[in-house]
Structure formats: structure tokens, C-alpha cells
């Protein structure tokens, strides 16, 4: 699953975003970060971030529409009221996510980790931190940006391919080791 991060102090994970209104009866379009996208509707106790605050939200009805989803927010029955929810993130409690196998990770767990590679002498070099993840179709990509102590100011796009480019993920110590040429 490719859930996006949110305020981890609140232990919430963004699972989608209300994008625009859909029709005149209070429906909205939702961009889901879950995989498959329909899993968005399997979560309860959702909250929406409006005005910098997380507030409870529920959906009366929802369905697949094209590549995304459409839904009707409980208690919202007109276009003007639905418009107030647009461009807002929808989250769930992090502990509501399914438990993954030991070698699997949610995107929000990878973001913020320091990324190291080794030079030809075997010395570890800090490339930066995982800023965010990209879904490209072929494979996911880590966007690694400079941080304090990184070897340069370069942004790197490193394919998230465990066993090929990603050699170790250590969540507890906050690091990822990669087999990646720092000149690339």
C-alpha cells in the first residue's frame, strides 16, 4: 500500500484527498492513496484535515469512477457544502493499517529515513533523506533530498527495488542502504 504520510505525532496516515465536487447533490471526487483504490472505503473512523485541524468524517456512499473514486459525505447534500471539503486530506489512525510482513513497508515508514551508499573503498556516504515516494507504474521511486551531512545538494530518484538497489531497510535506526552510484 502506498499511504501518504501525515503528522506522525498524531499517528495518522493520509489515505486519500477530496479533490473536487461531483454533481449537484453533495458528491465529491476522491484521490485514493490506497492500493487498490477501493480499499479507501474499507476504513472507518476517518478524519479530514480542514483549517489545520483533524475532524471526523464519514461517507454514506461511494464507488469507483474512472481511475478514482466518488463519494457522498454523510450529512452533505448540496454542491456548495461539498465544496468546503475539497482539497482536504483524509486520514486514519496508523494502527488501523493492516500489519505487513517483516520485509514490507508502508511509504510513510520510509519517508524521512536517511539513505546511505558505499563508495569503492566501502565507506558509507550519506546521500540524503527520503522526501517522498513516487509511483511510476514500473516500480516505486524514492525521492532522496539533501540533508545535514549529505555528500552534496543533489536530489536523487532511486528505484525502490529491494534486493537490487535497496540493500537494507532499518526502520529502528532510521536508515536505508542502497547500491547506488553517488555520481548518478
N, C-alpha and C. Protein backbone atom coordinates (compact mmCIF):
# COMPACT_ATOMS: atom_id res chain seq x y z
N UNK A 1 0.84 -1.18 0.00
CA UNK A 1 0.00 0.00 0.00
C UNK A 1 0.88 1.23 0.00
N UNK A 2 0.37 2.26 -0.61
CA UNK A 2 1.17 3.46 -0.73
C UNK A 2 0.53 4.63 0.00
N UNK A 3 0.20 4.44 1.25
CA UNK A 3 -0.39 5.52 2.02
C UNK A 3 0.60 6.66 2.17
N UNK A 4 0.10 7.85 2.12
CA UNK A 4 0.96 9.02 2.26
C UNK A 4 1.14 9.37 3.72
N UNK A 5 2.22 10.10 4.07
CA UNK A 5 2.45 10.45 5.47
C UNK A 5 1.61 11.62 5.91
N UNK A 6 1.55 11.80 7.18
CA UNK A 6 0.89 12.96 7.75
C UNK A 6 1.59 13.26 9.06
N UNK A 7 0.95 13.94 9.94
CA UNK A 7 1.54 14.30 11.22
C UNK A 7 1.69 13.05 12.06
N UNK A 8 2.90 12.50 12.10
CA UNK A 8 3.11 11.24 12.79
C UNK A 8 2.98 11.40 14.30
N UNK A 9 3.12 12.63 14.81
CA UNK A 9 2.91 12.84 16.24
C UNK A 9 1.49 12.47 16.60
N UNK A 10 0.57 12.70 15.69
CA UNK A 10 -0.82 12.35 15.91
C UNK A 10 -1.09 10.91 15.49
N UNK A 11 -0.06 10.23 14.93
CA UNK A 11 -0.16 8.85 14.49
C UNK A 11 -1.31 8.63 13.53
N UNK A 12 -1.37 9.49 12.52
CA UNK A 12 -2.37 9.39 11.48
C UNK A 12 -1.68 9.21 10.14
N UNK A 13 -2.33 8.53 9.23
CA UNK A 13 -1.80 8.31 7.90
C UNK A 13 -2.85 8.76 6.88
N UNK A 14 -2.44 9.59 5.95
CA UNK A 14 -3.35 10.07 4.91
C UNK A 14 -3.58 8.94 3.92
N UNK A 15 -4.86 8.64 3.68
CA UNK A 15 -5.21 7.57 2.74
C UNK A 15 -5.86 8.11 1.47
N UNK A 16 -6.11 9.42 1.42
CA UNK A 16 -6.72 9.99 0.23
C UNK A 16 -6.92 11.48 0.39
N UNK A 17 -7.45 12.07 -0.68
CA UNK A 17 -7.69 13.50 -0.70
C UNK A 17 -9.00 13.77 -1.43
N UNK A 18 -9.85 14.59 -0.83
CA UNK A 18 -11.05 15.06 -1.52
C UNK A 18 -10.57 16.10 -2.51
N UNK A 19 -10.88 15.91 -3.79
CA UNK A 19 -10.33 16.80 -4.81
C UNK A 19 -11.32 17.88 -5.24
N UNK A 20 -12.43 17.49 -5.85
CA UNK A 20 -13.41 18.45 -6.37
C UNK A 20 -14.82 17.92 -6.13
N UNK A 21 -15.81 18.78 -6.31
CA UNK A 21 -17.20 18.34 -6.21
C UNK A 21 -17.56 17.53 -7.44
N UNK A 22 -18.56 16.68 -7.27
CA UNK A 22 -19.02 15.81 -8.36
C UNK A 22 -20.53 15.90 -8.39
N UNK A 23 -21.07 16.62 -9.34
CA UNK A 23 -22.52 16.77 -9.44
C UNK A 23 -23.04 17.85 -8.51
N UNK A 24 -24.35 17.83 -8.29
CA UNK A 24 -25.00 18.88 -7.50
C UNK A 24 -25.61 18.38 -6.20
N UNK A 25 -25.47 17.09 -5.90
CA UNK A 25 -26.12 16.51 -4.72
C UNK A 25 -25.16 16.19 -3.59
N UNK A 26 -24.02 16.88 -3.53
CA UNK A 26 -23.11 16.72 -2.41
C UNK A 26 -22.05 15.65 -2.57
N UNK A 27 -21.89 15.12 -3.77
CA UNK A 27 -20.86 14.13 -4.01
C UNK A 27 -19.54 14.83 -4.28
N UNK A 28 -18.43 14.12 -3.97
CA UNK A 28 -17.08 14.65 -4.21
C UNK A 28 -16.24 13.57 -4.89
N UNK A 29 -15.21 14.01 -5.59
CA UNK A 29 -14.23 13.08 -6.14
C UNK A 29 -13.13 12.91 -5.10
N UNK A 30 -12.61 11.69 -5.02
CA UNK A 30 -11.56 11.37 -4.05
C UNK A 30 -10.40 10.73 -4.78
N UNK A 31 -9.21 11.24 -4.50
CA UNK A 31 -7.99 10.59 -4.98
C UNK A 31 -7.50 9.70 -3.84
N UNK A 32 -7.54 8.40 -4.07
CA UNK A 32 -7.17 7.43 -3.04
C UNK A 32 -5.70 7.07 -3.15
N UNK A 33 -5.01 7.02 -2.00
CA UNK A 33 -3.62 6.58 -1.95
C UNK A 33 -3.52 5.10 -1.58
N UNK A 34 -4.65 4.45 -1.40
CA UNK A 34 -4.63 3.04 -1.03
C UNK A 34 -4.45 2.18 -2.29
N UNK A 35 -4.08 0.95 -2.06
CA UNK A 35 -3.89 0.03 -3.16
C UNK A 35 -4.60 -1.27 -2.84
N UNK A 36 -5.61 -1.67 -3.59
CA UNK A 36 -6.25 -0.95 -4.68
C UNK A 36 -7.04 0.26 -4.15
N UNK A 37 -7.38 1.16 -5.06
CA UNK A 37 -8.00 2.42 -4.64
C UNK A 37 -9.30 2.21 -3.87
N UNK A 38 -10.03 1.15 -4.17
CA UNK A 38 -11.30 0.89 -3.49
C UNK A 38 -11.12 0.60 -2.00
N UNK A 39 -9.92 0.24 -1.57
CA UNK A 39 -9.68 -0.02 -0.15
C UNK A 39 -9.96 1.21 0.70
N UNK A 40 -9.95 2.37 0.09
CA UNK A 40 -10.27 3.61 0.80
C UNK A 40 -11.57 3.46 1.58
N UNK A 41 -12.57 2.84 0.97
CA UNK A 41 -13.89 2.71 1.61
C UNK A 41 -13.94 1.64 2.69
N UNK A 42 -12.90 0.86 2.86
CA UNK A 42 -12.91 -0.18 3.89
C UNK A 42 -12.52 0.36 5.27
N UNK A 43 -12.05 1.61 5.32
CA UNK A 43 -11.64 2.19 6.60
C UNK A 43 -12.76 2.99 7.22
N UNK A 44 -12.87 2.86 8.53
CA UNK A 44 -13.84 3.65 9.29
C UNK A 44 -13.05 4.59 10.19
N UNK A 45 -13.72 5.40 10.93
CA UNK A 45 -13.06 6.36 11.82
C UNK A 45 -12.09 7.25 11.07
N UNK A 46 -12.52 7.70 9.90
CA UNK A 46 -11.70 8.62 9.09
C UNK A 46 -11.79 10.02 9.66
N UNK A 47 -10.77 10.81 9.39
CA UNK A 47 -10.77 12.21 9.74
C UNK A 47 -10.31 13.00 8.53
N UNK A 48 -10.79 14.24 8.44
CA UNK A 48 -10.42 15.13 7.35
C UNK A 48 -9.73 16.35 7.94
N UNK A 49 -8.72 16.83 7.24
CA UNK A 49 -7.99 18.00 7.74
C UNK A 49 -8.57 19.25 7.09
N UNK A 50 -9.24 20.03 7.92
CA UNK A 50 -9.85 21.29 7.46
C UNK A 50 -9.39 22.38 8.40
N UNK A 51 -8.88 23.47 7.84
CA UNK A 51 -8.43 24.58 8.66
C UNK A 51 -7.32 24.20 9.62
N UNK A 52 -6.48 23.25 9.21
CA UNK A 52 -5.35 22.82 10.06
C UNK A 52 -5.74 21.88 11.18
N UNK A 53 -6.99 21.51 11.26
CA UNK A 53 -7.47 20.62 12.33
C UNK A 53 -8.02 19.33 11.72
N UNK A 54 -7.83 18.22 12.42
CA UNK A 54 -8.42 16.95 12.01
C UNK A 54 -9.81 16.85 12.62
N UNK A 55 -10.80 16.54 11.77
CA UNK A 55 -12.19 16.41 12.19
C UNK A 55 -12.75 15.09 11.67
N UNK A 56 -13.64 14.45 12.43
CA UNK A 56 -14.25 13.20 11.96
C UNK A 56 -15.03 13.41 10.66
N UNK A 57 -15.00 12.41 9.81
CA UNK A 57 -15.76 12.42 8.57
C UNK A 57 -16.17 10.99 8.25
N UNK A 58 -17.34 10.85 7.65
CA UNK A 58 -17.77 9.52 7.19
C UNK A 58 -18.44 9.69 5.82
N UNK A 59 -18.48 8.59 5.11
CA UNK A 59 -19.04 8.60 3.76
C UNK A 59 -20.24 7.67 3.72
N UNK A 60 -21.39 8.22 3.26
CA UNK A 60 -22.63 7.43 3.16
C UNK A 60 -22.58 6.45 2.02
N UNK A 61 -21.98 6.89 0.94
CA UNK A 61 -21.98 6.09 -0.26
C UNK A 61 -20.70 6.39 -1.03
N UNK A 62 -20.22 5.44 -1.77
CA UNK A 62 -19.02 5.66 -2.56
C UNK A 62 -18.85 4.57 -3.58
N UNK A 63 -18.14 4.91 -4.67
CA UNK A 63 -17.92 3.93 -5.72
C UNK A 63 -16.74 4.34 -6.58
N UNK A 64 -16.28 3.40 -7.37
CA UNK A 64 -15.21 3.65 -8.34
C UNK A 64 -15.79 4.52 -9.45
N UNK A 65 -15.00 5.48 -9.92
CA UNK A 65 -15.40 6.32 -11.04
C UNK A 65 -14.16 6.63 -11.86
N UNK A 66 -14.01 5.98 -13.01
CA UNK A 66 -12.80 6.14 -13.81
C UNK A 66 -11.61 5.60 -13.05
N UNK A 67 -10.55 6.40 -12.94
CA UNK A 67 -9.36 5.98 -12.21
C UNK A 67 -9.43 6.32 -10.73
N UNK A 68 -10.47 7.03 -10.33
CA UNK A 68 -10.58 7.44 -8.93
C UNK A 68 -11.86 6.96 -8.29
N UNK A 69 -12.30 7.71 -7.30
CA UNK A 69 -13.50 7.37 -6.54
C UNK A 69 -14.40 8.59 -6.46
N UNK A 70 -15.69 8.34 -6.28
CA UNK A 70 -16.63 9.40 -5.92
C UNK A 70 -17.36 8.94 -4.67
N UNK A 71 -17.73 9.90 -3.84
CA UNK A 71 -18.40 9.55 -2.59
C UNK A 71 -19.29 10.69 -2.14
N UNK A 72 -20.25 10.32 -1.29
CA UNK A 72 -21.12 11.33 -0.68
C UNK A 72 -20.80 11.36 0.81
N UNK A 73 -20.42 12.54 1.27
CA UNK A 73 -20.08 12.73 2.68
C UNK A 73 -21.37 12.72 3.49
N UNK A 74 -21.38 11.99 4.58
CA UNK A 74 -22.55 11.91 5.44
C UNK A 74 -22.98 13.32 5.87
N UNK A 75 -24.26 13.62 5.65
CA UNK A 75 -24.82 14.91 6.04
C UNK A 75 -24.62 16.03 5.03
N UNK A 76 -23.96 15.73 3.93
CA UNK A 76 -23.71 16.74 2.89
C UNK A 76 -24.60 16.40 1.70
N UNK A 77 -25.50 17.33 1.36
CA UNK A 77 -26.43 17.03 0.27
C UNK A 77 -26.50 18.11 -0.81
N UNK A 78 -25.57 19.05 -0.80
CA UNK A 78 -25.55 20.02 -1.90
C UNK A 78 -24.11 20.38 -2.28
N UNK A 79 -23.99 20.90 -3.47
CA UNK A 79 -22.69 21.19 -4.07
C UNK A 79 -21.89 22.22 -3.27
N UNK A 80 -22.54 23.25 -2.78
CA UNK A 80 -21.84 24.31 -2.05
C UNK A 80 -21.22 23.78 -0.75
N UNK A 81 -21.96 22.97 -0.03
CA UNK A 81 -21.44 22.39 1.21
C UNK A 81 -20.31 21.40 0.90
N UNK A 82 -20.47 20.61 -0.16
CA UNK A 82 -19.43 19.65 -0.55
C UNK A 82 -18.14 20.38 -0.93
N UNK A 83 -18.25 21.56 -1.52
CA UNK A 83 -17.07 22.32 -1.95
C UNK A 83 -16.17 22.69 -0.77
N UNK A 84 -16.73 22.77 0.43
CA UNK A 84 -15.95 23.12 1.61
C UNK A 84 -14.97 22.00 2.02
N UNK A 85 -15.15 20.82 1.47
CA UNK A 85 -14.29 19.68 1.80
C UNK A 85 -13.20 19.45 0.74
N UNK A 86 -13.26 20.19 -0.36
CA UNK A 86 -12.31 19.98 -1.45
C UNK A 86 -10.89 20.39 -1.05
N UNK A 87 -9.93 19.68 -1.62
CA UNK A 87 -8.50 19.90 -1.38
C UNK A 87 -8.11 19.57 0.07
N UNK A 88 -8.87 18.68 0.71
CA UNK A 88 -8.59 18.29 2.09
C UNK A 88 -8.15 16.82 2.14
N UNK A 89 -7.15 16.54 2.97
CA UNK A 89 -6.67 15.18 3.16
C UNK A 89 -7.60 14.40 4.07
N UNK A 90 -7.71 13.10 3.80
CA UNK A 90 -8.49 12.18 4.64
C UNK A 90 -7.50 11.19 5.25
N UNK A 91 -7.58 11.00 6.56
CA UNK A 91 -6.63 10.13 7.24
C UNK A 91 -7.33 9.10 8.12
N UNK A 92 -6.53 8.12 8.53
CA UNK A 92 -6.97 7.12 9.50
C UNK A 92 -5.87 7.01 10.55
N UNK A 93 -6.19 6.38 11.66
CA UNK A 93 -5.17 6.11 12.68
C UNK A 93 -4.16 5.12 12.09
N UNK A 94 -2.89 5.36 12.32
CA UNK A 94 -1.83 4.49 11.76
C UNK A 94 -2.03 3.04 12.17
N UNK A 95 -2.53 2.80 13.36
CA UNK A 95 -2.70 1.42 13.81
C UNK A 95 -3.89 0.72 13.16
N UNK A 96 -4.66 1.43 12.32
CA UNK A 96 -5.75 0.80 11.59
C UNK A 96 -5.26 0.14 10.29
N UNK A 97 -4.02 0.42 9.90
CA UNK A 97 -3.46 -0.19 8.70
C UNK A 97 -3.19 -1.67 8.95
N UNK A 98 -3.36 -2.49 7.94
CA UNK A 98 -3.05 -3.92 8.10
C UNK A 98 -1.57 -4.12 8.42
N UNK A 99 -1.28 -5.14 9.21
CA UNK A 99 0.10 -5.48 9.55
C UNK A 99 0.74 -6.10 8.31
N UNK A 100 1.95 -5.65 8.01
CA UNK A 100 2.68 -6.16 6.84
C UNK A 100 3.70 -7.22 7.26
N UNK A 101 4.16 -7.96 6.28
CA UNK A 101 5.25 -8.91 6.52
C UNK A 101 6.50 -8.12 6.91
N UNK A 102 7.47 -8.81 7.52
CA UNK A 102 8.68 -8.15 8.00
C UNK A 102 9.46 -7.42 6.92
N UNK A 103 9.37 -7.87 5.69
CA UNK A 103 10.14 -7.25 4.61
C UNK A 103 9.30 -6.28 3.77
N UNK A 104 8.15 -5.89 4.26
CA UNK A 104 7.28 -4.93 3.56
C UNK A 104 7.12 -3.69 4.42
N UNK A 105 6.94 -2.54 3.74
CA UNK A 105 6.85 -1.27 4.44
C UNK A 105 5.81 -0.37 3.77
N UNK A 106 5.16 0.44 4.59
CA UNK A 106 4.31 1.50 4.05
C UNK A 106 5.19 2.68 3.69
N UNK A 107 4.75 3.46 2.72
CA UNK A 107 5.53 4.62 2.29
C UNK A 107 5.84 5.55 3.44
N UNK A 108 4.86 5.79 4.32
CA UNK A 108 5.09 6.74 5.41
C UNK A 108 6.20 6.26 6.35
N UNK A 109 6.48 4.96 6.35
CA UNK A 109 7.57 4.44 7.17
C UNK A 109 8.94 4.73 6.56
N UNK A 110 8.99 4.87 5.25
CA UNK A 110 10.25 5.12 4.55
C UNK A 110 10.60 6.60 4.49
N UNK A 111 9.59 7.44 4.45
CA UNK A 111 9.83 8.87 4.33
C UNK A 111 10.50 9.41 5.58
N UNK A 112 11.58 10.17 5.36
CA UNK A 112 12.36 10.73 6.46
C UNK A 112 13.58 9.90 6.82
N UNK A 113 13.68 8.68 6.30
CA UNK A 113 14.84 7.85 6.59
C UNK A 113 16.06 8.36 5.83
N UNK A 114 17.24 8.24 6.45
CA UNK A 114 18.49 8.62 5.81
C UNK A 114 18.91 7.51 4.85
N UNK A 115 19.44 7.92 3.70
CA UNK A 115 19.83 6.97 2.66
C UNK A 115 21.34 6.99 2.50
N UNK A 116 21.94 5.81 2.64
CA UNK A 116 23.40 5.67 2.55
C UNK A 116 23.76 4.75 1.39
N UNK A 117 24.91 5.04 0.80
CA UNK A 117 25.52 4.15 -0.19
C UNK A 117 26.98 4.00 0.19
N UNK A 118 27.65 3.04 -0.39
CA UNK A 118 29.07 2.84 -0.10
C UNK A 118 29.90 3.24 -1.32
N UNK A 119 31.06 3.86 -1.06
CA UNK A 119 31.96 4.17 -2.17
C UNK A 119 32.82 2.95 -2.48
N UNK A 120 33.74 3.10 -3.42
CA UNK A 120 34.56 1.95 -3.82
C UNK A 120 35.52 1.47 -2.74
N UNK A 121 35.68 2.27 -1.67
CA UNK A 121 36.52 1.87 -0.53
C UNK A 121 35.69 1.23 0.58
N UNK A 122 34.37 1.14 0.37
CA UNK A 122 33.49 0.56 1.37
C UNK A 122 33.03 1.54 2.44
N UNK A 123 33.36 2.83 2.29
CA UNK A 123 32.94 3.85 3.26
C UNK A 123 31.50 4.26 2.96
N UNK A 124 30.71 4.41 4.03
CA UNK A 124 29.32 4.82 3.84
C UNK A 124 29.23 6.32 3.58
N UNK A 125 28.44 6.67 2.58
CA UNK A 125 28.21 8.05 2.21
C UNK A 125 26.73 8.36 2.36
N UNK A 126 26.41 9.47 3.02
CA UNK A 126 25.02 9.87 3.20
C UNK A 126 24.57 10.63 1.97
N UNK A 127 23.58 10.07 1.25
CA UNK A 127 23.04 10.71 0.06
C UNK A 127 21.97 11.75 0.41
N UNK A 128 21.24 11.55 1.51
CA UNK A 128 20.17 12.45 1.91
C UNK A 128 19.08 11.68 2.62
N UNK A 129 17.89 12.25 2.66
CA UNK A 129 16.75 11.58 3.28
C UNK A 129 15.64 11.38 2.24
N UNK A 130 14.82 10.37 2.48
CA UNK A 130 13.68 10.11 1.60
C UNK A 130 12.66 11.21 1.85
N UNK A 131 12.47 12.05 0.86
CA UNK A 131 11.50 13.15 0.95
C UNK A 131 10.09 12.61 0.76
N UNK A 132 9.92 11.82 -0.29
CA UNK A 132 8.63 11.20 -0.58
C UNK A 132 8.85 10.09 -1.59
N UNK A 133 7.79 9.38 -1.87
CA UNK A 133 7.82 8.27 -2.81
C UNK A 133 6.97 8.63 -4.03
N UNK A 134 7.37 8.09 -5.17
CA UNK A 134 6.61 8.27 -6.41
C UNK A 134 6.19 6.91 -6.94
N UNK A 135 4.98 6.85 -7.45
CA UNK A 135 4.52 5.65 -8.11
C UNK A 135 4.67 5.89 -9.61
N UNK A 136 5.45 5.06 -10.28
CA UNK A 136 5.72 5.28 -11.70
C UNK A 136 5.05 4.26 -12.60
N UNK A 137 4.50 3.23 -12.05
CA UNK A 137 3.91 2.17 -12.85
C UNK A 137 4.83 0.96 -12.88
N UNK A 138 6.07 1.17 -13.35
CA UNK A 138 7.01 0.06 -13.40
C UNK A 138 7.47 -0.33 -12.00
N UNK A 139 7.83 0.66 -11.20
CA UNK A 139 8.24 0.42 -9.81
C UNK A 139 8.14 1.75 -9.07
N UNK A 140 8.11 1.67 -7.76
CA UNK A 140 8.09 2.88 -6.95
C UNK A 140 9.48 3.49 -6.93
N UNK A 141 9.53 4.81 -6.68
CA UNK A 141 10.80 5.53 -6.69
C UNK A 141 10.91 6.34 -5.41
N UNK A 142 12.10 6.27 -4.77
CA UNK A 142 12.37 7.11 -3.60
C UNK A 142 12.95 8.43 -4.09
N UNK A 143 12.38 9.54 -3.62
CA UNK A 143 12.94 10.85 -3.92
C UNK A 143 13.81 11.21 -2.72
N UNK A 144 15.12 11.25 -2.95
CA UNK A 144 16.09 11.48 -1.89
C UNK A 144 16.63 12.90 -2.03
N UNK A 145 16.44 13.70 -0.98
CA UNK A 145 16.87 15.10 -0.99
C UNK A 145 17.96 15.32 0.03
N UNK A 146 18.74 16.37 -0.20
CA UNK A 146 19.85 16.70 0.69
C UNK A 146 19.37 16.87 2.13
N UNK A 147 20.28 16.64 3.05
CA UNK A 147 20.02 16.86 4.46
C UNK A 147 21.35 17.23 5.11
N UNK A 148 21.31 17.57 6.37
CA UNK A 148 22.56 17.88 7.09
C UNK A 148 23.48 16.67 7.03
N UNK A 149 24.69 16.89 6.53
CA UNK A 149 25.67 15.82 6.46
C UNK A 149 25.70 15.07 5.15
N UNK A 150 24.76 15.37 4.23
CA UNK A 150 24.78 14.65 2.96
C UNK A 150 25.97 15.10 2.10
N UNK A 151 26.38 14.25 1.19
CA UNK A 151 27.61 14.49 0.42
C UNK A 151 27.51 15.66 -0.55
N UNK A 152 26.29 16.04 -0.94
CA UNK A 152 26.11 17.17 -1.86
C UNK A 152 24.67 17.67 -1.77
N UNK A 153 24.29 18.55 -2.67
CA UNK A 153 22.95 19.14 -2.67
C UNK A 153 22.02 18.50 -3.69
N UNK A 154 22.43 17.40 -4.27
CA UNK A 154 21.68 16.77 -5.35
C UNK A 154 20.41 16.07 -4.85
N UNK A 155 19.35 16.16 -5.66
CA UNK A 155 18.17 15.34 -5.44
C UNK A 155 18.34 14.09 -6.30
N UNK A 156 18.05 12.94 -5.73
CA UNK A 156 18.21 11.69 -6.46
C UNK A 156 16.88 10.94 -6.50
N UNK A 157 16.64 10.31 -7.63
CA UNK A 157 15.48 9.44 -7.80
C UNK A 157 16.02 8.02 -7.86
N UNK A 158 15.77 7.27 -6.80
CA UNK A 158 16.32 5.92 -6.68
C UNK A 158 15.17 4.91 -6.74
N UNK A 159 15.20 3.99 -7.72
CA UNK A 159 14.14 2.98 -7.80
C UNK A 159 14.04 2.19 -6.49
N UNK A 160 12.82 2.04 -6.01
CA UNK A 160 12.61 1.26 -4.80
C UNK A 160 12.49 -0.21 -5.22
N UNK A 161 13.65 -0.84 -5.35
CA UNK A 161 13.72 -2.24 -5.74
C UNK A 161 14.58 -3.00 -4.73
N UNK A 162 13.95 -3.47 -3.63
CA UNK A 162 14.70 -4.23 -2.64
C UNK A 162 15.38 -5.44 -3.29
N UNK A 163 16.64 -5.64 -2.90
CA UNK A 163 17.41 -6.74 -3.46
C UNK A 163 18.20 -6.33 -4.69
N UNK A 164 17.79 -5.23 -5.32
CA UNK A 164 18.53 -4.76 -6.48
C UNK A 164 19.25 -3.45 -6.13
N UNK A 165 18.52 -2.39 -5.87
CA UNK A 165 19.13 -1.11 -5.48
C UNK A 165 19.04 -0.88 -3.97
N UNK A 166 17.97 -1.33 -3.36
CA UNK A 166 17.79 -1.18 -1.91
C UNK A 166 18.31 -2.44 -1.25
N UNK A 167 19.40 -2.29 -0.47
CA UNK A 167 20.04 -3.47 0.12
C UNK A 167 19.65 -3.70 1.57
N UNK A 168 19.21 -2.63 2.28
CA UNK A 168 18.85 -2.79 3.70
C UNK A 168 17.92 -1.66 4.11
N UNK A 169 16.90 -2.01 4.84
CA UNK A 169 15.99 -1.02 5.43
C UNK A 169 15.97 -1.27 6.92
N UNK A 170 16.38 -0.28 7.68
CA UNK A 170 16.44 -0.39 9.14
C UNK A 170 15.59 0.74 9.73
N UNK A 171 14.32 0.44 9.92
CA UNK A 171 13.37 1.43 10.43
C UNK A 171 13.79 1.92 11.81
N UNK A 172 14.18 0.99 12.69
CA UNK A 172 14.54 1.36 14.07
C UNK A 172 15.67 2.37 14.13
N UNK A 173 16.65 2.24 13.24
CA UNK A 173 17.79 3.17 13.23
C UNK A 173 17.62 4.28 12.21
N UNK A 174 16.48 4.29 11.51
CA UNK A 174 16.16 5.39 10.60
C UNK A 174 17.03 5.47 9.37
N UNK A 175 17.35 4.30 8.76
CA UNK A 175 18.21 4.36 7.59
C UNK A 175 17.86 3.32 6.54
N UNK A 176 18.27 3.65 5.33
CA UNK A 176 18.15 2.76 4.18
C UNK A 176 19.53 2.71 3.53
N UNK A 177 19.99 1.50 3.22
CA UNK A 177 21.25 1.36 2.49
C UNK A 177 20.90 0.99 1.04
N UNK A 178 21.58 1.64 0.11
CA UNK A 178 21.34 1.39 -1.30
C UNK A 178 22.64 1.10 -2.03
N UNK A 179 22.52 0.40 -3.12
CA UNK A 179 23.63 0.19 -4.05
C UNK A 179 23.41 1.20 -5.17
N UNK A 180 23.98 2.39 -5.01
CA UNK A 180 23.71 3.49 -5.93
C UNK A 180 24.94 4.35 -6.09
N UNK A 181 25.34 4.60 -7.32
CA UNK A 181 26.50 5.44 -7.60
C UNK A 181 26.16 6.88 -7.21
N UNK A 182 26.91 7.47 -6.29
CA UNK A 182 26.61 8.84 -5.84
C UNK A 182 26.75 9.88 -6.96
N UNK A 183 27.41 9.52 -8.04
CA UNK A 183 27.55 10.45 -9.18
C UNK A 183 26.31 10.45 -10.06
N UNK A 184 25.41 9.51 -9.84
CA UNK A 184 24.22 9.37 -10.67
C UNK A 184 23.07 10.13 -10.08
